[in-house]
Amino acid sequence: MTLKYKNSLDAMLTILSVGGKITHAPNQISYMLNGIKYYSLEVRMNGDDYLIQAIEQEAIDLFNAAMTILDEKKTILRKIKKIGVINLLIFLPTTILFEV
């Protein structure tokens, strides 16, 4: 499957929308020796790993989007931990609960 992207942010969002996962995302933007802002993250899709890179404003946009997505996932995990395993079973589909 060949996917086309407008920019690094579009690449990340497209990969995530088809089941990809962020596997590594630094929590800060880097600066190259010449002062240019740089950000990269790793994603995995269908068992393949990809590196998405961006510079300057695109790096800022990619960083902000990745951190927002990861923060949302952390919030969901905290809520699941708070609910507890027993209460979590209520939300699972019944086909999974009664599989033999």
C-alpha atoms as a PDB file:
ATOM      1  CA  MET A   1       0.000   0.000   0.000  1.00  0.00           C
ATOM      2  CA  THR A   2       1.406   3.379  -1.009  1.00  0.00           C
ATOM      3  CA  LEU A   3       0.352   6.413   0.958  1.00  0.00           C
ATOM      4  CA  LYS A   4       1.017  10.035  -0.034  1.00  0.00           C
ATOM      5  CA  TYR A   5       1.501  12.783   2.509  1.00  0.00           C
ATOM      6  CA  LYS A   6       1.400  16.596   2.338  1.00  0.00           C
ATOM      7  CA  ASN A   7       3.912  16.966   5.173  1.00  0.00           C
ATOM      8  CA  SER A   8       5.216  15.223   8.294  1.00  0.00           C
ATOM      9  CA  LEU A   9       2.098  15.967  10.341  1.00  0.00           C
ATOM     10  CA  ASP A  10      -0.116  14.549   7.607  1.00  0.00           C
ATOM     11  CA  ALA A  11       2.132  11.463   7.462  1.00  0.00           C
ATOM     12  CA  MET A  12       1.814  10.857  11.202  1.00  0.00           C
ATOM     13  CA  LEU A  13      -1.953  11.393  11.290  1.00  0.00           C
ATOM     14  CA  THR A  14      -2.511   9.210   8.223  1.00  0.00           C
ATOM     15  CA  ILE A  15      -0.406   6.357   9.615  1.00  0.00           C
ATOM     16  CA  LEU A  16      -2.190   6.562  12.965  1.00  0.00           C
ATOM     17  CA  SER A  17      -5.587   6.584  11.244  1.00  0.00           C
ATOM     18  CA  VAL A  18      -4.845   3.262   9.526  1.00  0.00           C
ATOM     19  CA  GLY A  19      -3.782   1.510  12.728  1.00  0.00           C
ATOM     20  CA  GLY A  20      -0.208   2.722  13.161  1.00  0.00           C
ATOM     21  CA  LYS A  21       1.257   3.490  16.584  1.00  0.00           C
ATOM     22  CA  ILE A  22       3.787   6.028  17.847  1.00  0.00           C
ATOM     23  CA  THR A  23       6.689   3.967  19.187  1.00  0.00           C
ATOM     24  CA  HIS A  24       9.147   6.738  20.100  1.00  0.00           C
ATOM     25  CA  ALA A  25       8.531  10.465  20.471  1.00  0.00           C
ATOM     26  CA  PRO A  26      11.038  12.713  22.251  1.00  0.00           C
ATOM     27  CA  ASN A  27       9.454  15.155  24.694  1.00  0.00           C
ATOM     28  CA  GLN A  28      11.297  18.162  23.314  1.00  0.00           C
ATOM     29  CA  ILE A  29      12.270  19.783  20.034  1.00  0.00           C
ATOM     30  CA  SER A  30      15.961  19.652  19.145  1.00  0.00           C
ATOM     31  CA  TYR A  31      18.094  22.341  17.551  1.00  0.00           C
ATOM     32  CA  MET A  32      20.627  21.514  14.864  1.00  0.00           C
ATOM     33  CA  LEU A  33      24.068  23.137  15.010  1.00  0.00           C
ATOM     34  CA  ASN A  34      22.896  25.860  12.603  1.00  0.00           C
ATOM     35  CA  GLY A  35      19.976  26.731  14.930  1.00  0.00           C
ATOM     36  CA  ILE A  36      17.219  25.112  12.878  1.00  0.00           C
ATOM     37  CA  LYS A  37      14.468  23.463  14.924  1.00  0.00           C
ATOM     38  CA  TYR A  38      14.251  19.709  14.340  1.00  0.00           C
ATOM     39  CA  TYR A  39      11.842  17.021  15.517  1.00  0.00           C
ATOM     40  CA  SER A  40      11.509  13.360  14.631  1.00  0.00           C
ATOM     41  CA  LEU A  41       9.416  10.488  15.879  1.00  0.00           C
ATOM     42  CA  GLU A  42       9.096   6.810  15.123  1.00  0.00           C
ATOM     43  CA  VAL A  43       5.890   5.052  14.165  1.00  0.00           C
ATOM     44  CA  ARG A  44       5.055   1.428  13.472  1.00  0.00           C
ATOM     45  CA  MET A  45       2.522   0.231  10.924  1.00  0.00           C
ATOM     46  CA  ASN A  46       1.931  -3.387   9.887  1.00  0.00           C
ATOM     47  CA  GLY A  47       5.133  -4.453  11.643  1.00  0.00           C
ATOM     48  CA  ASP A  48       7.279  -1.906   9.779  1.00  0.00           C
ATOM     49  CA  ASP A  49       9.011   1.009  11.524  1.00  0.00           C
ATOM     50  CA  TYR A  50       9.135   4.495  10.032  1.00  0.00           C
ATOM     51  CA  LEU A  51      10.957   7.683  11.026  1.00  0.00           C
ATOM     52  CA  ILE A  52       9.071  10.946  10.474  1.00  0.00           C
ATOM     53  CA  GLN A  53      11.220  14.086  10.497  1.00  0.00           C
ATOM     54  CA  ALA A  54      10.435  17.789  10.345  1.00  0.00           C
ATOM     55  CA  ILE A  55      12.191  21.139  10.611  1.00  0.00           C
ATOM     56  CA  GLU A  56      11.216  24.647  11.728  1.00  0.00           C
ATOM     57  CA  GLN A  57       7.444  25.360  11.979  1.00  0.00           C
ATOM     58  CA  GLU A  58       6.583  21.877  10.747  1.00  0.00           C
ATOM     59  CA  ALA A  59       8.714  20.455  13.581  1.00  0.00           C
ATOM     60  CA  ILE A  60       6.745  22.518  16.107  1.00  0.00           C
ATOM     61  CA  ASP A  61       3.433  21.361  14.606  1.00  0.00           C
ATOM     62  CA  LEU A  62       4.511  17.705  14.583  1.00  0.00           C
ATOM     63  CA  PHE A  63       5.783  17.921  18.162  1.00  0.00           C
ATOM     64  CA  ASN A  64       2.580  19.566  19.442  1.00  0.00           C
ATOM     65  CA  ALA A  65       0.342  17.020  17.700  1.00  0.00           C
ATOM     66  CA  ALA A  66       2.386  14.044  18.937  1.00  0.00           C
ATOM     67  CA  MET A  67       2.414  15.318  22.525  1.00  0.00           C
ATOM     68  CA  THR A  68      -1.350  15.951  22.416  1.00  0.00           C
ATOM     69  CA  ILE A  69      -2.008  12.420  21.148  1.00  0.00           C
ATOM     70  CA  LEU A  70       0.295  10.846  23.725  1.00  0.00           C
ATOM     71  CA  ASP A  71      -1.151  12.957  26.565  1.00  0.00           C
ATOM     72  CA  GLU A  72      -4.669  11.864  25.608  1.00  0.00           C
ATOM     73  CA  LYS A  73      -3.588   8.218  25.682  1.00  0.00           C
ATOM     74  CA  LYS A  74      -1.967   8.681  29.109  1.00  0.00           C
ATOM     75  CA  THR A  75      -5.186  10.251  30.406  1.00  0.00           C
ATOM     76  CA  ILE A  76      -7.216   7.297  29.121  1.00  0.00           C
ATOM     77  CA  LEU A  77      -4.818   4.841  30.778  1.00  0.00           C
ATOM     78  CA  ARG A  78      -5.049   6.723  34.077  1.00  0.00           C
ATOM     79  CA  LYS A  79      -8.842   6.554  33.895  1.00  0.00           C
ATOM     80  CA  ILE A  80      -8.700   2.811  33.192  1.00  0.00           C
ATOM     81  CA  LYS A  81      -6.397   2.273  36.184  1.00  0.00           C
ATOM     82  CA  LYS A  82      -8.773   4.308  38.345  1.00  0.00           C
ATOM     83  CA  ILE A  83     -11.790   2.258  37.231  1.00  0.00           C
ATOM     84  CA  GLY A  84      -9.987  -0.972  38.091  1.00  0.00           C
ATOM     85  CA  VAL A  85      -9.908  -4.313  36.347  1.00  0.00           C
ATOM     86  CA  ILE A  86     -13.228  -5.614  37.726  1.00  0.00           C
ATOM     87  CA  ASN A  87     -15.189  -2.547  36.640  1.00  0.00           C
ATOM     88  CA  LEU A  88     -13.339  -2.514  33.306  1.00  0.00           C
ATOM     89  CA  LEU A  89     -14.824  -5.911  32.443  1.00  0.00           C
ATOM     90  CA  ILE A  90     -18.244  -4.244  32.260  1.00  0.00           C
ATOM     91  CA  PHE A  91     -17.061  -2.284  29.214  1.00  0.00           C
ATOM     92  CA  LEU A  92     -15.696  -5.283  27.299  1.00  0.00           C
ATOM     93  CA  PRO A  93     -17.879  -6.742  24.538  1.00  0.00           C
ATOM     94  CA  THR A  94     -19.811  -9.797  25.723  1.00  0.00           C
ATOM     95  CA  THR A  95     -18.343 -11.910  22.922  1.00  0.00           C
ATOM     96  CA  ILE A  96     -14.943 -11.545  24.558  1.00  0.00           C
ATOM     97  CA  LEU A  97     -16.248 -12.166  28.074  1.00  0.00           C
ATOM     98  CA  PHE A  98     -17.837 -15.480  27.129  1.00  0.00           C
ATOM     99  CA  GLU A  99     -15.225 -16.895  24.730  1.00  0.00           C
ATOM    100  CA  VAL A 100     -14.174 -20.453  25.511  1.00  0.00           C
END
